[in-house]
Amino acid sequence: MSVELDARRRRAGFRASHRGTREMDWLLGKFADACLASMSDADLALFEELIELPDPDLHRWILEPTVMPGREFAALIGALRAYHKLDQPVA
């Protein structure tokens, strides 16, 4: 593992869990804690782009992915939803 990649993962993890809204801190921070270590450089770059987006947009995309415009983040949003078990039907 490169030192630069490790530093980027630490920065992304911090940013994911210090967004300003408690719910997004939890949603993104928990996912980052569990998944950043195994992300490739390309996956990390996409995650870094994602966490720069406004909380209201991300919140809506995670909880209601049908409203997500574009598809560049679709797989990552899907992984976030699966991690938090939001992709399972409500009983």
C-alpha atoms as a PDB file:
ATOM      1  CA  MET A   1       0.000   0.000   0.000  1.00  0.00           C
ATOM      2  CA  SER A   2       1.369   3.375  -0.918  1.00  0.00           C
ATOM      3  CA  VAL A   3       1.790   6.082   1.676  1.00  0.00           C
ATOM      4  CA  GLU A   4      -0.146   8.512  -0.532  1.00  0.00           C
ATOM      5  CA  LEU A   5      -3.099   6.144  -0.922  1.00  0.00           C
ATOM      6  CA  ASP A   6      -3.171   5.532   2.825  1.00  0.00           C
ATOM      7  CA  ALA A   7      -3.158   9.285   3.510  1.00  0.00           C
ATOM      8  CA  ARG A   8      -6.015   9.799   1.032  1.00  0.00           C
ATOM      9  CA  ARG A   9      -8.015   7.057   2.748  1.00  0.00           C
ATOM     10  CA  ARG A  10      -7.504   8.721   6.148  1.00  0.00           C
ATOM     11  CA  ARG A  11      -8.562  12.126   4.795  1.00  0.00           C
ATOM     12  CA  ALA A  12     -11.624  10.641   3.084  1.00  0.00           C
ATOM     13  CA  GLY A  13     -12.588   8.782   6.267  1.00  0.00           C
ATOM     14  CA  PHE A  14     -12.321  11.948   8.327  1.00  0.00           C
ATOM     15  CA  ARG A  15     -14.298  13.971   5.777  1.00  0.00           C
ATOM     16  CA  ALA A  16     -16.980  11.277   5.533  1.00  0.00           C
ATOM     17  CA  SER A  17     -17.610  11.333   9.277  1.00  0.00           C
ATOM     18  CA  HIS A  18     -17.311  15.115   9.791  1.00  0.00           C
ATOM     19  CA  ARG A  19     -19.819  16.529   7.321  1.00  0.00           C
ATOM     20  CA  GLY A  20     -21.939  18.711   9.559  1.00  0.00           C
ATOM     21  CA  THR A  21     -25.129  16.687   9.759  1.00  0.00           C
ATOM     22  CA  ARG A  22     -25.258  13.834  12.226  1.00  0.00           C
ATOM     23  CA  GLU A  23     -27.162  11.485   9.929  1.00  0.00           C
ATOM     24  CA  MET A  24     -24.758  11.911   7.006  1.00  0.00           C
ATOM     25  CA  ASP A  25     -21.760  11.670   9.356  1.00  0.00           C
ATOM     26  CA  TRP A  26     -23.112   8.301  10.451  1.00  0.00           C
ATOM     27  CA  LEU A  27     -24.170   7.008   7.006  1.00  0.00           C
ATOM     28  CA  LEU A  28     -20.948   7.935   5.238  1.00  0.00           C
ATOM     29  CA  GLY A  29     -18.597   7.562   8.214  1.00  0.00           C
ATOM     30  CA  LYS A  30     -19.629   3.997   9.078  1.00  0.00           C
ATOM     31  CA  PHE A  31     -19.371   2.990   5.422  1.00  0.00           C
ATOM     32  CA  ALA A  32     -15.927   4.615   5.162  1.00  0.00           C
ATOM     33  CA  ASP A  33     -14.709   2.887   8.328  1.00  0.00           C
ATOM     34  CA  ALA A  34     -15.726  -0.486   6.920  1.00  0.00           C
ATOM     35  CA  CYS A  35     -14.816  -0.066   3.251  1.00  0.00           C
ATOM     36  CA  LEU A  36     -12.041   2.467   2.642  1.00  0.00           C
ATOM     37  CA  ALA A  37      -9.196   0.062   3.419  1.00  0.00           C
ATOM     38  CA  SER A  38     -10.216  -2.221   0.573  1.00  0.00           C
ATOM     39  CA  MET A  39     -10.958   0.501  -2.013  1.00  0.00           C
ATOM     40  CA  SER A  40      -8.779   0.708  -5.083  1.00  0.00           C
ATOM     41  CA  ASP A  41      -7.335   4.026  -6.190  1.00  0.00           C
ATOM     42  CA  ALA A  42     -10.196   4.458  -8.694  1.00  0.00           C
ATOM     43  CA  ASP A  43     -12.867   3.564  -6.118  1.00  0.00           C
ATOM     44  CA  LEU A  44     -11.318   5.952  -3.615  1.00  0.00           C
ATOM     45  CA  ALA A  45     -11.261   8.749  -6.214  1.00  0.00           C
ATOM     46  CA  LEU A  46     -14.976   8.236  -6.830  1.00  0.00           C
ATOM     47  CA  PHE A  47     -15.687   8.217  -3.084  1.00  0.00           C
ATOM     48  CA  GLU A  48     -13.681  11.441  -2.711  1.00  0.00           C
ATOM     49  CA  GLU A  49     -15.861  13.036  -5.396  1.00  0.00           C
ATOM     50  CA  LEU A  50     -19.020  11.746  -3.734  1.00  0.00           C
ATOM     51  CA  ILE A  51     -18.203  13.191  -0.317  1.00  0.00           C
ATOM     52  CA  GLU A  52     -17.703  16.635  -1.826  1.00  0.00           C
ATOM     53  CA  LEU A  53     -21.370  16.765  -2.856  1.00  0.00           C
ATOM     54  CA  PRO A  54     -23.967  18.552  -0.686  1.00  0.00           C
ATOM     55  CA  ASP A  55     -25.551  16.566   2.154  1.00  0.00           C
ATOM     56  CA  PRO A  56     -29.166  17.069   0.980  1.00  0.00           C
ATOM     57  CA  ASP A  57     -28.359  15.543  -2.414  1.00  0.00           C
ATOM     58  CA  LEU A  58     -26.459  12.608  -0.936  1.00  0.00           C
ATOM     59  CA  HIS A  59     -29.130  11.976   1.675  1.00  0.00           C
ATOM     60  CA  ARG A  60     -31.822  11.864  -0.991  1.00  0.00           C
ATOM     61  CA  TRP A  61     -29.748   9.631  -3.292  1.00  0.00           C
ATOM     62  CA  ILE A  62     -28.985   7.154  -0.506  1.00  0.00           C
ATOM     63  CA  LEU A  63     -32.514   6.970   0.861  1.00  0.00           C
ATOM     64  CA  GLU A  64     -34.340   7.385  -2.471  1.00  0.00           C
ATOM     65  CA  PRO A  65     -31.947   6.252  -5.216  1.00  0.00           C
ATOM     66  CA  THR A  66     -34.608   6.543  -7.914  1.00  0.00           C
ATOM     67  CA  VAL A  67     -34.182  10.347  -7.779  1.00  0.00           C
ATOM     68  CA  MET A  68     -30.433  10.164  -8.417  1.00  0.00           C
ATOM     69  CA  PRO A  69     -29.517  12.033 -11.614  1.00  0.00           C
ATOM     70  CA  GLY A  70     -26.724  10.596 -13.731  1.00  0.00           C
ATOM     71  CA  ARG A  71     -25.223   7.239 -13.013  1.00  0.00           C
ATOM     72  CA  GLU A  72     -21.553   7.896 -12.227  1.00  0.00           C
ATOM     73  CA  PHE A  73     -22.195   7.256  -8.529  1.00  0.00           C
ATOM     74  CA  ALA A  74     -24.808   4.502  -8.950  1.00  0.00           C
ATOM     75  CA  ALA A  75     -22.560   1.592  -7.937  1.00  0.00           C
ATOM     76  CA  LEU A  76     -21.160   3.490  -4.957  1.00  0.00           C
ATOM     77  CA  ILE A  77     -24.632   4.553  -3.787  1.00  0.00           C
ATOM     78  CA  GLY A  78     -25.689   0.924  -4.204  1.00  0.00           C
ATOM     79  CA  ALA A  79     -22.777  -0.213  -2.039  1.00  0.00           C
ATOM     80  CA  LEU A  80     -23.705   2.374   0.622  1.00  0.00           C
ATOM     81  CA  ARG A  81     -27.311   1.205   0.581  1.00  0.00           C
ATOM     82  CA  ALA A  82     -26.288  -2.451   0.796  1.00  0.00           C
ATOM     83  CA  TYR A  83     -23.856  -1.756   3.652  1.00  0.00           C
ATOM     84  CA  HIS A  84     -26.624  -0.096   5.677  1.00  0.00           C
ATOM     85  CA  LYS A  85     -29.165  -2.724   4.562  1.00  0.00           C
ATOM     86  CA  LEU A  86     -31.279  -0.050   2.878  1.00  0.00           C
ATOM     87  CA  ASP A  87     -31.607  -2.158  -0.252  1.00  0.00           C
ATOM     88  CA  GLN A  88     -33.826  -4.713   1.456  1.00  0.00           C
ATOM     89  CA  PRO A  89     -37.617  -4.512   1.351  1.00  0.00           C
ATOM     90  CA  VAL A  90     -39.386  -3.360   4.486  1.00  0.00           C
ATOM     91  CA  ALA A  91     -41.383  -6.177   6.056  1.00  0.00           C
END
